[in-house]
């Protein structure tokens, strides 16, 4: 479940609400679109009910690190996946609960902002340690803990920091959210080495939604990672505080079709030697007669650019990859019914080994080699595939692939 975030419009200062996964915001007051720059850990504060007689400058904010993402595990002869959403203390303290549980999802939280008074507890746990902890929790996704782990990938993962407000009254520590007493004052809460001021680098920064090529206004959905310009028919993504152009193509469909995004990633591999589509068919033991058209086709993996449920994600990637010869050449043009990517290329690239493992019919031969396999990306581009709009499903026009509409609707909540 996504968190509901409250923050101030960077243009007029008006209150704006957004989901945790959102990058593009539209202010309901000034109607200005702003795109939030990524690449940093987002920091949020839980709402409080601190009494009026408490000086806000004495409030202390305690950090919890949150991991959320899909985890794919290749162990034994199985490929497993699960969604993990967990919080853990950023500093080991017995007085406070080890996890925030469901509280952040049950209330409206706010981004850290420069108007916050008080001090912040310095974290001792790093983002890398959070990922390591997530790996341990992901072990439960494996059918048996005795199985040999061959590969594990985090797809669509995010690490954020949530601050729990605390205050001191009559030498007793109180939780600011429920206004309950937690215990006696302890040294970690007043130790100057543990306390720090809010840093400017924690505050979110934004880009104006102006096309870098033609200067027209760009369009996107709230959680779009790729936005587009209808005027010059270009696609853009944020990278290092600027918009960079995304190469793309739209495969021909029929009127009324919906176009779902995929990352088309051309690779070469070592450890498991593959350079062509024929090599993929041979390595995964597909029941296909290998012909010249397979040998002349470079090795490509087609990975969904949507954050959808793990099982559906890997099934769609497998289907699109094996069916790639069925897709005609595309055009550089945009259609009104395109669904913009919510999964960045860098994370789609991490899914290649998991897709290979899922595609293999001879898993006992392929999975043990994954740990020794290295991947080199030759080229990557965004491709929009046409899907027929049926009563309950989207059905791909050129291949035997379908996905439930309900899965796509919930894609923006994962």
Protein backbone atom coordinates (compact mmCIF):
# COMPACT_ATOMS: atom_id res chain seq x y z
CA UNK A 1 0.00 0.00 0.00
CA UNK A 2 1.29 3.47 -0.90
CA UNK A 3 1.65 6.23 1.66
CA UNK A 4 -0.42 9.41 1.31
CA UNK A 5 1.99 12.34 1.33
CA UNK A 6 1.23 16.00 2.02
CA UNK A 7 3.62 18.72 0.86
CA UNK A 8 3.69 22.32 -0.33
CA UNK A 9 3.54 23.35 -3.99
CA UNK A 10 7.03 24.62 -4.98
CA UNK A 11 5.41 27.32 -7.13
CA UNK A 12 2.75 28.90 -4.88
CA UNK A 13 3.16 27.14 -1.53
CA UNK A 14 -0.36 25.69 -1.54
CA UNK A 15 -1.02 22.26 0.05
CA UNK A 16 -0.71 19.32 -2.34
CA UNK A 17 -1.44 15.64 -1.70
CA UNK A 18 0.28 12.82 -3.55
CA UNK A 19 0.87 9.08 -3.34
CA UNK A 20 4.27 7.78 -2.34
CA UNK A 21 5.07 6.64 -5.90
CA UNK A 22 4.10 9.96 -7.52
CA UNK A 23 6.71 12.11 -9.23
CA UNK A 24 4.49 14.52 -11.16
CA UNK A 25 2.28 16.87 -9.14
CA UNK A 26 -0.36 19.36 -10.27
CA UNK A 27 -1.17 22.10 -7.78
CA UNK A 28 -4.97 22.47 -7.32
CA UNK A 29 -4.48 26.20 -6.72
CA UNK A 30 -2.01 27.51 -9.31
CA UNK A 31 -2.41 24.46 -11.63
CA UNK A 32 1.35 24.36 -12.25
CA UNK A 33 2.88 20.94 -13.03
CA UNK A 34 6.14 20.08 -11.29
CA UNK A 35 8.26 16.95 -11.64
CA UNK A 36 10.06 15.73 -8.51
CA UNK A 37 13.73 14.91 -8.97
CA UNK A 38 14.65 11.35 -7.96
CA UNK A 39 17.92 9.68 -7.04
CA UNK A 40 17.79 10.43 -3.33
CA UNK A 41 16.21 8.94 -0.22
CA UNK A 42 12.82 10.50 0.45
CA UNK A 43 12.15 11.56 4.03
CA UNK A 44 8.73 11.82 5.65
CA UNK A 45 7.34 12.85 9.04
CA UNK A 46 4.39 11.22 10.80
CA UNK A 47 1.66 13.64 11.99
CA UNK A 48 1.67 14.45 15.69
CA UNK A 49 -0.68 15.53 18.49
CA UNK A 50 1.97 17.18 20.66
CA UNK A 51 0.42 19.43 23.38
CA UNK A 52 0.58 23.19 22.88
CA UNK A 53 2.70 23.77 26.00
CA UNK A 54 5.61 21.79 24.48
CA UNK A 55 8.19 23.96 22.73
CA UNK A 56 8.38 22.66 19.13
CA UNK A 57 12.11 23.37 19.11
CA UNK A 58 12.56 20.59 21.70
CA UNK A 59 10.82 17.93 19.56
CA UNK A 60 13.05 15.07 18.43
CA UNK A 61 12.41 13.06 15.26
CA UNK A 62 13.37 9.38 15.41
CA UNK A 63 14.20 7.64 12.08
CA UNK A 64 12.72 4.41 10.73
CA UNK A 65 13.99 3.06 7.43
CA UNK A 66 11.39 1.60 5.09
CA UNK A 67 12.03 -0.91 2.31
CA UNK A 68 9.42 -1.59 -0.34
CA UNK A 69 9.83 -3.63 -3.51
CA UNK A 70 9.45 -6.89 -5.41
CA UNK A 71 11.99 -9.60 -4.68
CA UNK A 72 12.76 -12.42 -7.15
CA UNK A 73 14.58 -15.48 -5.90
CA UNK A 74 16.09 -18.31 -7.96
CA UNK A 75 16.88 -21.23 -5.65
CA UNK A 76 16.94 -24.97 -6.15
CA UNK A 77 14.82 -25.50 -9.25
CA UNK A 78 12.29 -22.74 -8.54
CA UNK A 79 11.81 -19.07 -9.39
CA UNK A 80 9.85 -17.36 -6.61
CA UNK A 81 8.75 -13.80 -6.01
CA UNK A 82 7.08 -11.70 -3.35
CA UNK A 83 6.27 -8.11 -2.42
CA UNK A 84 8.07 -6.88 0.68
CA UNK A 85 7.10 -3.75 2.63
CA UNK A 86 8.82 -3.34 5.98
CA UNK A 87 10.11 -0.68 8.37
CA UNK A 88 12.90 -0.95 10.93
CA UNK A 89 14.57 1.34 13.44
CA UNK A 90 17.36 3.50 12.05
CA UNK A 91 19.01 3.38 15.50
CA UNK A 92 18.65 0.38 17.86
CA UNK A 93 16.52 1.58 20.80
CA UNK A 94 14.59 -0.66 23.21
CA UNK A 95 12.12 2.01 24.23
CA UNK A 96 10.54 2.23 20.77
CA UNK A 97 8.84 -0.49 18.71
CA UNK A 98 11.15 -2.24 16.21
CA UNK A 99 8.75 -1.40 13.37
CA UNK A 100 6.11 1.23 12.63
CA UNK A 101 3.73 -1.47 11.42
CA UNK A 102 0.72 -0.17 9.51
CA UNK A 103 0.69 3.28 11.09
CA UNK A 104 2.29 5.16 8.13
CA UNK A 105 -0.32 3.68 5.79
CA UNK A 106 -3.23 4.58 8.04
CA UNK A 107 -2.53 8.31 8.24
CA UNK A 108 -1.52 11.23 6.05
CA UNK A 109 2.18 11.92 6.43
CA UNK A 110 4.19 14.88 5.18
CA UNK A 111 7.53 15.41 3.49
CA UNK A 112 10.33 16.83 5.57
CA UNK A 113 10.20 20.59 5.05
CA UNK A 114 12.22 23.59 6.17
CA UNK A 115 9.46 24.74 8.55
CA UNK A 116 10.07 21.79 10.90
CA UNK A 117 11.49 22.85 14.26
CA UNK A 118 13.42 20.44 16.45
CA UNK A 119 16.26 17.96 16.09
CA UNK A 120 16.69 14.72 14.12
CA UNK A 121 18.23 11.54 15.49
CA UNK A 122 21.23 10.45 13.45
CA UNK A 123 20.80 7.01 11.82
CA UNK A 124 23.30 4.24 12.50
CA UNK A 125 21.77 1.89 9.90
CA UNK A 126 22.50 2.60 6.23
CA UNK A 127 20.39 1.94 3.14
CA UNK A 128 22.74 -0.92 2.23
CA UNK A 129 22.03 -2.55 5.60
CA UNK A 130 18.30 -2.19 4.95
CA UNK A 131 18.70 -4.09 1.69
CA UNK A 132 20.72 -6.75 3.50
CA UNK A 133 17.94 -7.08 6.06
CA UNK A 134 15.40 -7.33 3.21
CA UNK A 135 17.45 -10.17 1.73
CA UNK A 136 17.11 -12.11 4.98
CA UNK A 137 13.36 -11.54 5.04
CA UNK A 138 13.16 -12.61 1.40
CA UNK A 139 14.53 -16.02 2.34
CA UNK A 140 10.97 -16.93 3.30
CA UNK A 141 10.09 -16.67 -0.40
CA UNK A 142 12.18 -19.75 -1.09
CA UNK A 143 10.33 -23.06 -0.95
CA UNK A 144 12.96 -24.56 1.33
CA UNK A 145 15.73 -22.84 3.23
CA UNK A 146 17.89 -25.83 2.32
CA UNK A 147 17.73 -24.94 -1.39
CA UNK A 148 20.86 -23.42 -2.91
CA UNK A 149 20.39 -19.75 -3.70
CA UNK A 150 21.49 -19.03 -7.27
CA UNK A 151 20.25 -15.49 -7.78
CA UNK A 152 18.20 -12.77 -6.11
CA UNK A 153 17.00 -9.47 -7.60
CA UNK A 154 15.20 -6.45 -6.16
CA UNK A 155 12.92 -4.89 -8.79
CA UNK A 156 11.13 -1.60 -8.22
CA UNK A 157 12.61 -1.25 -4.76
CA UNK A 158 12.70 1.97 -2.78
CA UNK A 159 14.26 2.88 0.56
CA UNK A 160 12.82 5.86 2.44
CA UNK A 161 13.11 7.32 5.93
CA UNK A 162 10.08 7.96 8.14
CA UNK A 163 10.48 10.10 11.26
CA UNK A 164 8.50 9.45 14.45
CA UNK A 165 8.07 12.66 16.52
CA UNK A 166 9.03 12.40 20.20
CA UNK A 167 8.94 14.95 23.00
CA UNK A 168 10.03 15.18 26.65
CA UNK A 169 7.70 16.26 29.45
CA UNK A 170 8.75 16.08 33.13
CA UNK A 171 11.74 13.87 32.24
CA UNK A 172 9.45 11.35 30.54
CA UNK A 173 9.55 10.50 26.84
CA UNK A 174 6.28 10.66 24.92
CA UNK A 175 5.35 9.55 21.41
CA UNK A 176 4.09 12.50 19.42
CA UNK A 177 1.67 10.53 17.23
CA UNK A 178 -0.55 9.03 19.94
CA UNK A 179 0.66 11.36 22.70
CA UNK A 180 1.50 8.38 24.96
CA UNK A 181 4.24 8.04 27.55
CA UNK A 182 7.02 5.68 26.48
CA UNK A 183 9.41 5.70 29.45
CA UNK A 184 12.10 7.58 31.28
CA UNK A 185 14.46 9.98 29.54
CA UNK A 186 17.50 8.11 28.17
CA UNK A 187 20.92 9.37 27.09
CA UNK A 188 20.48 8.62 23.36
CA UNK A 189 17.69 11.20 23.21
CA UNK A 190 19.79 14.10 24.52
CA UNK A 191 23.29 13.07 23.36
CA UNK A 192 24.52 15.87 21.08
CA UNK A 193 26.38 13.34 18.92
CA UNK A 194 23.06 11.66 18.10
CA UNK A 195 21.25 14.90 17.26
CA UNK A 196 21.41 16.89 14.04
CA UNK A 197 19.60 19.75 12.31
CA UNK A 198 17.51 19.37 9.19
CA UNK A 199 19.72 19.34 6.08
CA UNK A 200 18.88 21.27 2.93
CA UNK A 201 19.76 18.20 0.83
CA UNK A 202 16.80 16.35 2.41
CA UNK A 203 14.28 18.73 0.83
CA UNK A 204 12.66 17.70 -2.49
CA UNK A 205 13.62 19.53 -5.68
CA UNK A 206 11.57 19.89 -8.85
CA UNK A 207 11.79 20.40 -12.61
CA UNK A 208 9.34 22.39 -14.70
CA UNK A 209 7.33 20.25 -17.14
CA UNK A 210 8.67 22.06 -20.21
CA UNK A 211 9.89 20.09 -23.23
CA UNK A 212 13.67 20.60 -23.61
CA UNK A 213 13.34 20.30 -27.42
CA UNK A 214 10.41 22.55 -28.38
CA UNK A 215 9.45 24.34 -25.16
CA UNK A 216 5.86 23.06 -25.13
CA UNK A 217 4.20 21.67 -21.98
CA UNK A 218 4.79 17.95 -21.42
CA UNK A 219 2.26 15.38 -20.22
CA UNK A 220 2.39 12.45 -17.83
CA UNK A 221 0.56 10.59 -15.10
CA UNK A 222 1.34 11.28 -11.40
CA UNK A 223 3.70 8.28 -11.11
CA UNK A 224 5.14 8.44 -14.65
CA UNK A 225 8.87 7.91 -14.94
CA UNK A 226 8.74 8.85 -18.62
CA UNK A 227 6.85 11.96 -19.70
CA UNK A 228 6.08 12.99 -23.26
CA UNK A 229 5.62 16.03 -25.49
CA UNK A 230 2.68 15.78 -27.90
CA UNK A 231 3.98 18.69 -29.98
CA UNK A 232 7.32 17.18 -31.07
CA UNK A 233 6.40 13.56 -30.16
CA UNK A 234 9.38 12.99 -27.87
CA UNK A 235 9.73 11.11 -24.58
CA UNK A 236 11.85 12.23 -21.62
CA UNK A 237 12.97 10.95 -18.24
CA UNK A 238 14.67 12.70 -15.33
CA UNK A 239 18.34 11.87 -14.84
CA UNK A 240 20.80 13.82 -12.69
CA UNK A 241 18.44 16.78 -12.21
CA UNK A 242 17.61 17.22 -15.90
CA UNK A 243 15.33 15.71 -18.53
CA UNK A 244 17.07 13.34 -20.95
CA UNK A 245 15.57 12.00 -24.16
CA UNK A 246 14.27 8.42 -24.22
CA UNK A 247 14.39 6.55 -27.57
CA UNK A 248 11.08 4.82 -28.21
CA UNK A 249 8.86 3.22 -30.84
CA UNK A 250 5.15 2.48 -31.01
CA UNK A 251 4.15 -0.81 -32.67
CA UNK A 252 1.24 -0.48 -35.07
CA UNK A 253 -2.17 -1.42 -33.68
CA UNK A 254 -5.83 -0.83 -34.41
CA UNK A 255 -8.15 2.05 -33.46
CA UNK A 256 -9.16 1.75 -29.81
CA UNK A 257 -6.06 -0.20 -28.77
CA UNK A 258 -4.25 0.52 -25.53
CA UNK A 259 -0.45 0.62 -25.65
CA UNK A 260 1.52 -0.91 -22.76
CA UNK A 261 5.20 0.01 -22.30
CA UNK A 262 8.11 -2.45 -22.41
CA UNK A 263 11.86 -1.95 -22.15
CA UNK A 264 13.54 -3.61 -25.15
CA UNK A 265 17.03 -4.47 -23.92
CA UNK A 266 19.66 -5.92 -26.29
CA UNK A 267 22.38 -7.79 -24.40
CA UNK A 268 25.29 -10.19 -24.68
CA UNK A 269 26.12 -12.57 -21.85
CA UNK A 270 29.06 -14.52 -20.46
CA UNK A 271 29.00 -17.49 -18.12
CA UNK A 272 25.90 -18.57 -20.00
CA UNK A 273 27.05 -17.73 -23.52
CA UNK A 274 24.30 -16.04 -25.52
CA UNK A 275 24.52 -13.53 -28.36
CA UNK A 276 21.44 -14.21 -30.53
CA UNK A 277 17.78 -15.10 -30.13
CA UNK A 278 18.69 -18.60 -31.33
CA UNK A 279 21.05 -18.93 -28.35
CA UNK A 280 18.20 -18.04 -25.98
CA UNK A 281 15.94 -20.70 -27.51
CA UNK A 282 18.72 -23.28 -27.26
CA UNK A 283 19.78 -22.45 -23.69
CA UNK A 284 16.19 -22.45 -22.39
CA UNK A 285 15.35 -25.63 -24.34
CA UNK A 286 12.32 -24.17 -26.15
CA UNK A 287 10.33 -26.57 -28.37
CA UNK A 288 11.13 -24.53 -31.50
CA UNK A 289 12.99 -25.44 -34.67
CA UNK A 290 15.83 -22.89 -34.82
CA UNK A 291 15.96 -21.18 -38.20
CA UNK A 292 18.03 -18.45 -39.83
CA UNK A 293 15.63 -15.72 -38.64
CA UNK A 294 16.41 -16.78 -35.05
CA UNK A 295 20.17 -16.80 -35.64
CA UNK A 296 20.20 -13.37 -37.25
CA UNK A 297 18.14 -11.78 -34.47
CA UNK A 298 20.22 -10.18 -31.71
CA UNK A 299 19.57 -11.30 -28.14
CA UNK A 300 16.89 -9.09 -26.57
CA UNK A 301 14.82 -9.22 -23.41
CA UNK A 302 11.47 -7.42 -23.40
CA UNK A 303 10.70 -6.32 -19.84
CA UNK A 304 7.45 -4.68 -18.74
CA UNK A 305 7.94 -1.01 -17.86
CA UNK A 306 5.08 -1.13 -15.34
CA UNK A 307 5.36 -1.98 -11.65
CA UNK A 308 2.88 -4.82 -11.66
CA UNK A 309 2.50 -7.82 -9.37
CA UNK A 310 5.67 -9.96 -9.41
CA UNK A 311 4.15 -13.10 -10.91
CA UNK A 312 2.42 -11.16 -13.70
CA UNK A 313 5.53 -9.06 -14.31
CA UNK A 314 7.80 -12.02 -14.96
CA UNK A 315 5.14 -13.89 -16.96
CA UNK A 316 4.64 -10.90 -19.27
CA UNK A 317 8.40 -10.47 -19.70
CA UNK A 318 8.73 -14.14 -20.61
CA UNK A 319 5.85 -13.96 -23.11
CA UNK A 320 7.05 -10.75 -24.76
CA UNK A 321 10.65 -12.00 -24.99
CA UNK A 322 9.73 -15.31 -26.63
CA UNK A 323 7.26 -13.60 -29.01
CA UNK A 324 9.52 -10.76 -30.16
CA UNK A 325 9.75 -11.99 -33.76
CA UNK A 326 5.98 -11.51 -34.07
CA UNK A 327 6.21 -7.76 -33.49
CA UNK A 328 6.40 -5.54 -36.61
CA UNK A 329 8.64 -2.47 -36.76
CA UNK A 330 7.39 0.54 -34.86
CA UNK A 331 7.08 4.26 -35.55
CA UNK A 332 8.32 7.24 -33.57
CA UNK A 333 4.91 8.66 -32.74
CA UNK A 334 2.68 8.94 -29.70
CA UNK A 335 -0.86 7.68 -29.19
CA UNK A 336 -3.42 9.04 -26.74
CA UNK A 337 -3.87 5.64 -25.07
CA UNK A 338 -0.26 4.99 -24.12
CA UNK A 339 0.39 3.89 -20.54
CA UNK A 340 3.52 5.62 -19.37
CA UNK A 341 6.30 3.66 -17.62
CA UNK A 342 6.43 3.40 -13.84
CA UNK A 343 9.49 1.09 -13.80
CA UNK A 344 12.82 2.68 -14.84
CA UNK A 345 15.13 1.04 -17.35
CA UNK A 346 17.88 0.54 -14.75
CA UNK A 347 15.59 -1.70 -12.70
CA UNK A 348 14.19 -3.52 -15.72
CA UNK A 349 17.78 -4.42 -16.61
CA UNK A 350 18.14 -6.12 -13.22
CA UNK A 351 15.28 -8.47 -14.15
CA UNK A 352 17.11 -10.14 -17.06
CA UNK A 353 18.47 -13.09 -15.06
CA UNK A 354 15.11 -13.74 -13.41
CA UNK A 355 13.35 -13.68 -16.79
CA UNK A 356 15.92 -16.09 -18.21
CA UNK A 357 15.35 -18.43 -15.26
CA UNK A 358 11.56 -18.25 -15.68
CA UNK A 359 11.85 -18.89 -19.43
CA UNK A 360 14.07 -21.97 -19.04
CA UNK A 361 12.27 -25.27 -19.34
CA UNK A 362 15.42 -27.03 -18.09
CA UNK A 363 15.78 -25.07 -14.83
CA UNK A 364 18.05 -27.64 -13.22
CA UNK A 365 20.65 -26.88 -15.91
CA UNK A 366 20.20 -23.10 -16.17
CA UNK A 367 19.63 -21.86 -12.59
CA UNK A 368 22.98 -23.09 -11.14
CA UNK A 369 24.81 -21.02 -13.80
CA UNK A 370 23.12 -17.72 -12.96
CA UNK A 371 25.63 -16.75 -10.27
CA UNK A 372 28.46 -16.93 -12.84
CA UNK A 373 26.55 -15.12 -15.57
CA UNK A 374 27.45 -11.51 -16.51
CA UNK A 375 25.37 -9.24 -18.73
CA UNK A 376 26.49 -6.45 -21.07
CA UNK A 377 23.82 -4.12 -22.45
CA UNK A 378 24.31 -3.18 -26.12
CA UNK A 379 21.22 -1.01 -26.56
CA UNK A 380 17.90 -0.21 -24.90
CA UNK A 381 14.74 1.56 -25.97
CA UNK A 382 11.14 1.96 -24.89
CA UNK A 383 8.53 0.07 -26.93
CA UNK A 384 4.75 0.47 -26.76
CA UNK A 385 2.91 -2.76 -27.68
CA UNK A 386 -0.76 -2.60 -28.78
CA UNK A 387 -3.32 -4.48 -26.69
CA UNK A 388 -6.95 -5.08 -27.64
CA UNK A 389 -9.35 -3.81 -25.01
CA UNK A 390 -11.62 -6.68 -23.99
CA UNK A 391 -14.22 -6.85 -21.21
CA UNK A 392 -11.82 -7.83 -18.42
CA UNK A 393 -8.44 -8.17 -20.15
CA UNK A 394 -5.93 -6.47 -22.39
CA UNK A 395 -4.97 -8.92 -25.18
CA UNK A 396 -1.79 -8.38 -27.19
CA UNK A 397 -2.45 -8.16 -30.93
CA UNK A 398 0.65 -9.93 -32.25
CA UNK A 399 1.25 -12.66 -29.66
CA UNK A 400 -0.61 -14.98 -27.25
CA UNK A 401 -0.23 -12.63 -24.29
CA UNK A 402 -2.98 -11.16 -22.12
CA UNK A 403 -3.16 -9.33 -18.79
CA UNK A 404 -6.16 -8.61 -16.58
CA UNK A 405 -7.27 -4.99 -16.51
CA UNK A 406 -7.40 -5.17 -12.72
CA UNK A 407 -3.65 -5.86 -12.68
CA UNK A 408 -2.93 -2.76 -14.74
CA UNK A 409 -5.24 -0.64 -12.59
CA UNK A 410 -3.40 -1.70 -9.45
CA UNK A 411 0.02 -1.33 -11.07
CA UNK A 412 0.28 2.21 -9.75
CA UNK A 413 -0.10 1.03 -6.15
CA UNK A 414 2.92 -1.32 -6.11
